[in-house]
C-alpha atoms as a PDB file:
ATOM      1  CA  MET A   1      78.457  98.240  99.878  1.00  0.00           C
ATOM      2  CA  ASP A   2      76.157  99.544  97.196  1.00  0.00           C
ATOM      3  CA  LYS A   3      78.887 101.582  95.515  1.00  0.00           C
ATOM      4  CA  PRO A   4      82.455 100.640  94.503  1.00  0.00           C
ATOM      5  CA  ILE A   5      85.567 101.706  96.379  1.00  0.00           C
ATOM      6  CA  GLY A   6      86.392 104.431  93.842  1.00  0.00           C
ATOM      7  CA  HIS A   7      83.148 106.201  94.660  1.00  0.00           C
ATOM      8  CA  TRP A   8      83.863 106.152  98.396  1.00  0.00           C
ATOM      9  CA  LEU A   9      87.484 107.241  97.966  1.00  0.00           C
ATOM     10  CA  LYS A  10      86.496 110.220  95.829  1.00  0.00           C
ATOM     11  CA  HIS A  11      83.552 111.083  98.073  1.00  0.00           C
ATOM     12  CA  LEU A  12      85.701 110.943 101.217  1.00  0.00           C
ATOM     13  CA  ASP A  13      88.444 113.023  99.608  1.00  0.00           C
ATOM     14  CA  ASN A  14      85.915 115.704  98.629  1.00  0.00           C
ATOM     15  CA  LEU A  15      84.416 115.685 102.135  1.00  0.00           C
ATOM     16  CA  LEU A  16      87.877 115.888 103.715  1.00  0.00           C
ATOM     17  CA  GLU A  17      88.841 118.805 101.484  1.00  0.00           C
ATOM     18  CA  ASP A  18      85.694 120.782 102.267  1.00  0.00           C
ATOM     19  CA  ALA A  19      85.485 119.950 105.975  1.00  0.00           C
ATOM     20  CA  MET A  20      89.162 120.582 106.583  1.00  0.00           C
ATOM     21  CA  GLU A  21      89.046 123.993 104.940  1.00  0.00           C
ATOM     22  CA  GLN A  22      86.048 124.856 107.138  1.00  0.00           C
ATOM     23  CA  ALA A  23      87.942 123.644 110.203  1.00  0.00           C
ATOM     24  CA  LEU A  24      91.127 125.496 109.277  1.00  0.00           C
ATOM     25  CA  GLN A  25      89.362 128.700 108.208  1.00  0.00           C
ATOM     26  CA  THR A  26      92.563 130.627 107.377  1.00  0.00           C
ATOM     27  CA  THR A  27      94.357 128.104 105.170  1.00  0.00           C
ATOM     28  CA  THR A  28      93.624 125.430 102.611  1.00  0.00           C
ATOM     29  CA  ARG A  29      94.291 121.735 103.087  1.00  0.00           C
ATOM     30  CA  ARG A  30      97.235 121.952 100.686  1.00  0.00           C
ATOM     31  CA  GLU A  31      98.680 124.969 102.534  1.00  0.00           C
ATOM     32  CA  TRP A  32      98.436 123.025 105.774  1.00  0.00           C
ATOM     33  CA  GLN A  33     100.211 120.031 104.223  1.00  0.00           C
ATOM     34  CA  VAL A  34     103.051 122.231 102.982  1.00  0.00           C
ATOM     35  CA  LEU A  35     103.276 124.158 106.265  1.00  0.00           C
ATOM     36  CA  ASN A  36     103.309 120.925 108.257  1.00  0.00           C
ATOM     37  CA  GLN A  37     105.962 119.375 106.032  1.00  0.00           C
ATOM     38  CA  ALA A  38     108.110 122.500 106.343  1.00  0.00           C
ATOM     39  CA  ALA A  39     107.759 122.244 110.129  1.00  0.00           C
ATOM     40  CA  GLN A  40     108.899 118.606 109.993  1.00  0.00           C
ATOM     41  CA  GLU A  41     111.923 119.450 107.865  1.00  0.00           C
ATOM     42  CA  SER A  42     114.442 122.164 108.450  1.00  0.00           C
ATOM     43  CA  THR A  43     114.255 123.303 104.833  1.00  0.00           C
ATOM     44  CA  TYR A  44     112.056 123.202 101.783  1.00  0.00           C
ATOM     45  CA  THR A  45     112.862 123.918  98.195  1.00  0.00           C
ATOM     46  CA  MET A  46     111.035 125.718  95.428  1.00  0.00           C
ATOM     47  CA  PRO A  47     109.331 124.012  93.768  1.00  0.00           C
ATOM     48  CA  PHE A  48     108.409 122.078  96.886  1.00  0.00           C
ATOM     49  CA  THR A  49     109.773 118.537  96.670  1.00  0.00           C
ATOM     50  CA  GLY A  50     108.172 117.043  99.749  1.00  0.00           C
ATOM     51  CA  PRO A  51     105.956 113.963  99.770  1.00  0.00           C
ATOM     52  CA  PHE A  52     103.066 115.839  98.161  1.00  0.00           C
ATOM     53  CA  THR A  53     104.511 115.988  94.661  1.00  0.00           C
ATOM     54  CA  GLY A  54     102.873 112.738  93.511  1.00  0.00           C
ATOM     55  CA  PRO A  55      99.122 112.839  92.967  1.00  0.00           C
ATOM     56  CA  PHE A  56      98.675 116.260  94.554  1.00  0.00           C
ATOM     57  CA  THR A  57      98.261 119.489  92.687  1.00  0.00           C
ATOM     58  CA  GLY A  58      98.565 123.027  93.965  1.00  0.00           C
ATOM     59  CA  VAL A  59     101.729 122.542  96.006  1.00  0.00           C
ATOM     60  CA  ASP A  60     103.738 125.271  94.262  1.00  0.00           C
ATOM     61  CA  GLU A  61     100.830 127.676  94.646  1.00  0.00           C
ATOM     62  CA  ALA A  62     100.535 126.810  98.349  1.00  0.00           C
ATOM     63  CA  VAL A  63     104.240 127.506  98.851  1.00  0.00           C
ATOM     64  CA  GLU A  64     103.836 130.850  97.097  1.00  0.00           C
ATOM     65  CA  ARG A  65     100.820 131.810  99.243  1.00  0.00           C
ATOM     66  CA  LEU A  66     102.566 130.786 102.471  1.00  0.00           C
ATOM     67  CA  THR A  67     105.644 132.756 101.438  1.00  0.00           C
ATOM     68  CA  ALA A  68     103.510 135.803 100.625  1.00  0.00           C
ATOM     69  CA  ARG A  69     101.842 135.437 104.022  1.00  0.00           C
ATOM     70  CA  GLY A  70     105.274 135.537 105.650  1.00  0.00           C
ATOM     71  CA  TRP A  71     105.143 132.000 107.002  1.00  0.00           C
ATOM     72  CA  LEU A  72     107.920 130.612 104.782  1.00  0.00           C
ATOM     73  CA  ALA A  73     111.170 132.371 103.933  1.00  0.00           C
ATOM     74  CA  ASP A  74     114.808 131.573 103.232  1.00  0.00           C
ATOM     75  CA  GLY A  75     114.270 127.824 103.101  1.00  0.00           C
ATOM     76  CA  GLY A  76     112.213 127.363 106.242  1.00  0.00           C
ATOM     77  CA  LEU A  77     109.461 128.486 108.573  1.00  0.00           C
ATOM     78  CA  THR A  78     109.536 132.020 109.893  1.00  0.00           C
ATOM     79  CA  ASP A  79     108.606 132.834 113.501  1.00  0.00           C
ATOM     80  CA  ALA A  80     105.124 133.691 112.225  1.00  0.00           C
ATOM     81  CA  GLY A  81     105.061 130.385 110.354  1.00  0.00           C
ATOM     82  CA  ARG A  82     105.978 128.444 113.495  1.00  0.00           C
ATOM     83  CA  ALA A  83     103.237 130.236 115.448  1.00  0.00           C
ATOM     84  CA  ALA A  84     100.720 129.562 112.673  1.00  0.00           C
ATOM     85  CA  HIS A  85     101.775 125.909 112.512  1.00  0.00           C
ATOM     86  CA  GLU A  86     101.252 125.491 116.247  1.00  0.00           C
ATOM     87  CA  GLU A  87      97.790 127.093 116.123  1.00  0.00           C
ATOM     88  CA  ILE A  88      96.698 125.167 113.043  1.00  0.00           C
ATOM     89  CA  SER A  89      98.079 121.886 114.456  1.00  0.00           C
ATOM     90  CA  GLU A  90      95.540 122.104 117.266  1.00  0.00           C
ATOM     91  CA  LYS A  91      92.699 122.590 114.758  1.00  0.00           C
ATOM     92  CA  VAL A  92      93.943 119.676 112.665  1.00  0.00           C
ATOM     93  CA  GLY A  93      94.124 117.454 115.747  1.00  0.00           C
ATOM     94  CA  ARG A  94      90.484 118.198 116.574  1.00  0.00           C
ATOM     95  CA  PHE A  95      89.528 117.637 112.924  1.00  0.00           C
ATOM     96  CA  ARG A  96      91.275 114.258 112.839  1.00  0.00           C
ATOM     97  CA  GLN A  97      89.525 113.179 116.032  1.00  0.00           C
ATOM     98  CA  LYS A  98      86.172 113.986 114.434  1.00  0.00           C
ATOM     99  CA  VAL A  99      87.015 112.109 111.229  1.00  0.00           C
ATOM    100  CA  LEU A 100      88.066 109.012 113.175  1.00  0.00           C
ATOM    101  CA  GLU A 101      85.067 108.862 115.540  1.00  0.00           C
ATOM    102  CA  GLY A 102      83.851 105.266 115.663  1.00  0.00           C
ATOM    103  CA  VAL A 103      86.942 103.931 113.862  1.00  0.00           C
ATOM    104  CA  SER A 104      89.238 101.764 115.942  1.00  0.00           C
ATOM    105  CA  PRO A 105      93.014 102.092 115.610  1.00  0.00           C
ATOM    106  CA  GLN A 106      93.068  98.574 114.162  1.00  0.00           C
ATOM    107  CA  GLU A 107      90.432  99.454 111.542  1.00  0.00           C
ATOM    108  CA  TYR A 108      92.374 102.555 110.561  1.00  0.00           C
ATOM    109  CA  VAL A 109      95.652 100.645 110.179  1.00  0.00           C
ATOM    110  CA  ALA A 110      93.912  97.883 108.194  1.00  0.00           C
ATOM    111  CA  THR A 111      92.226 100.414 105.889  1.00  0.00           C
ATOM    112  CA  VAL A 112      95.456 102.263 105.184  1.00  0.00           C
ATOM    113  CA  ASP A 113      97.235  98.971 104.569  1.00  0.00           C
ATOM    114  CA  VAL A 114      94.591  97.816 102.075  1.00  0.00           C
ATOM    115  CA  LEU A 115      94.679 101.157 100.236  1.00  0.00           C
ATOM    116  CA  ARG A 116      98.487 101.068 100.169  1.00  0.00           C
ATOM    117  CA  ARG A 117      98.473  97.584  98.650  1.00  0.00           C
ATOM    118  CA  MET A 118      95.819  98.487  96.089  1.00  0.00           C
ATOM    119  CA  SER A 119      97.903 101.517  95.124  1.00  0.00           C
ATOM    120  CA  ALA A 120     101.019  99.354  94.816  1.00  0.00           C
ATOM    121  CA  ASN A 121      99.112  96.990  92.508  1.00  0.00           C
ATOM    122  CA  LEU A 122      98.481  99.857  90.096  1.00  0.00           C
ATOM    123  CA  ASP A 123     101.721 101.819  90.537  1.00  0.00           C
ATOM    124  CA  HIS A 124     104.102 101.147  87.685  1.00  0.00           C
END
């Protein structure tokens, strides 16, 4: 523990961003998040008001790019968007498995819980 938690959080986020974009190849991490959220919901709104509006930037741009690609239209996923979501979901699943190698389910839950509580301590 030679560096503070902020260092590791930022470092991991940068690694996740880069590695996920390499794994996805055709989309960005933010585009995947928007596409996945649209698949979970029956509709989305412009500007996107899903759970990514907090600390995340680039959501509106991701919605615009996905719409231009023909994956989002008229408040939901298109057939092409559903097909893309299914294909990308498989890549994301493999990516998540790689990220979590050597991490037990209990360690993951404990880590998320600690980060959630630390966030709550600072959230006003």
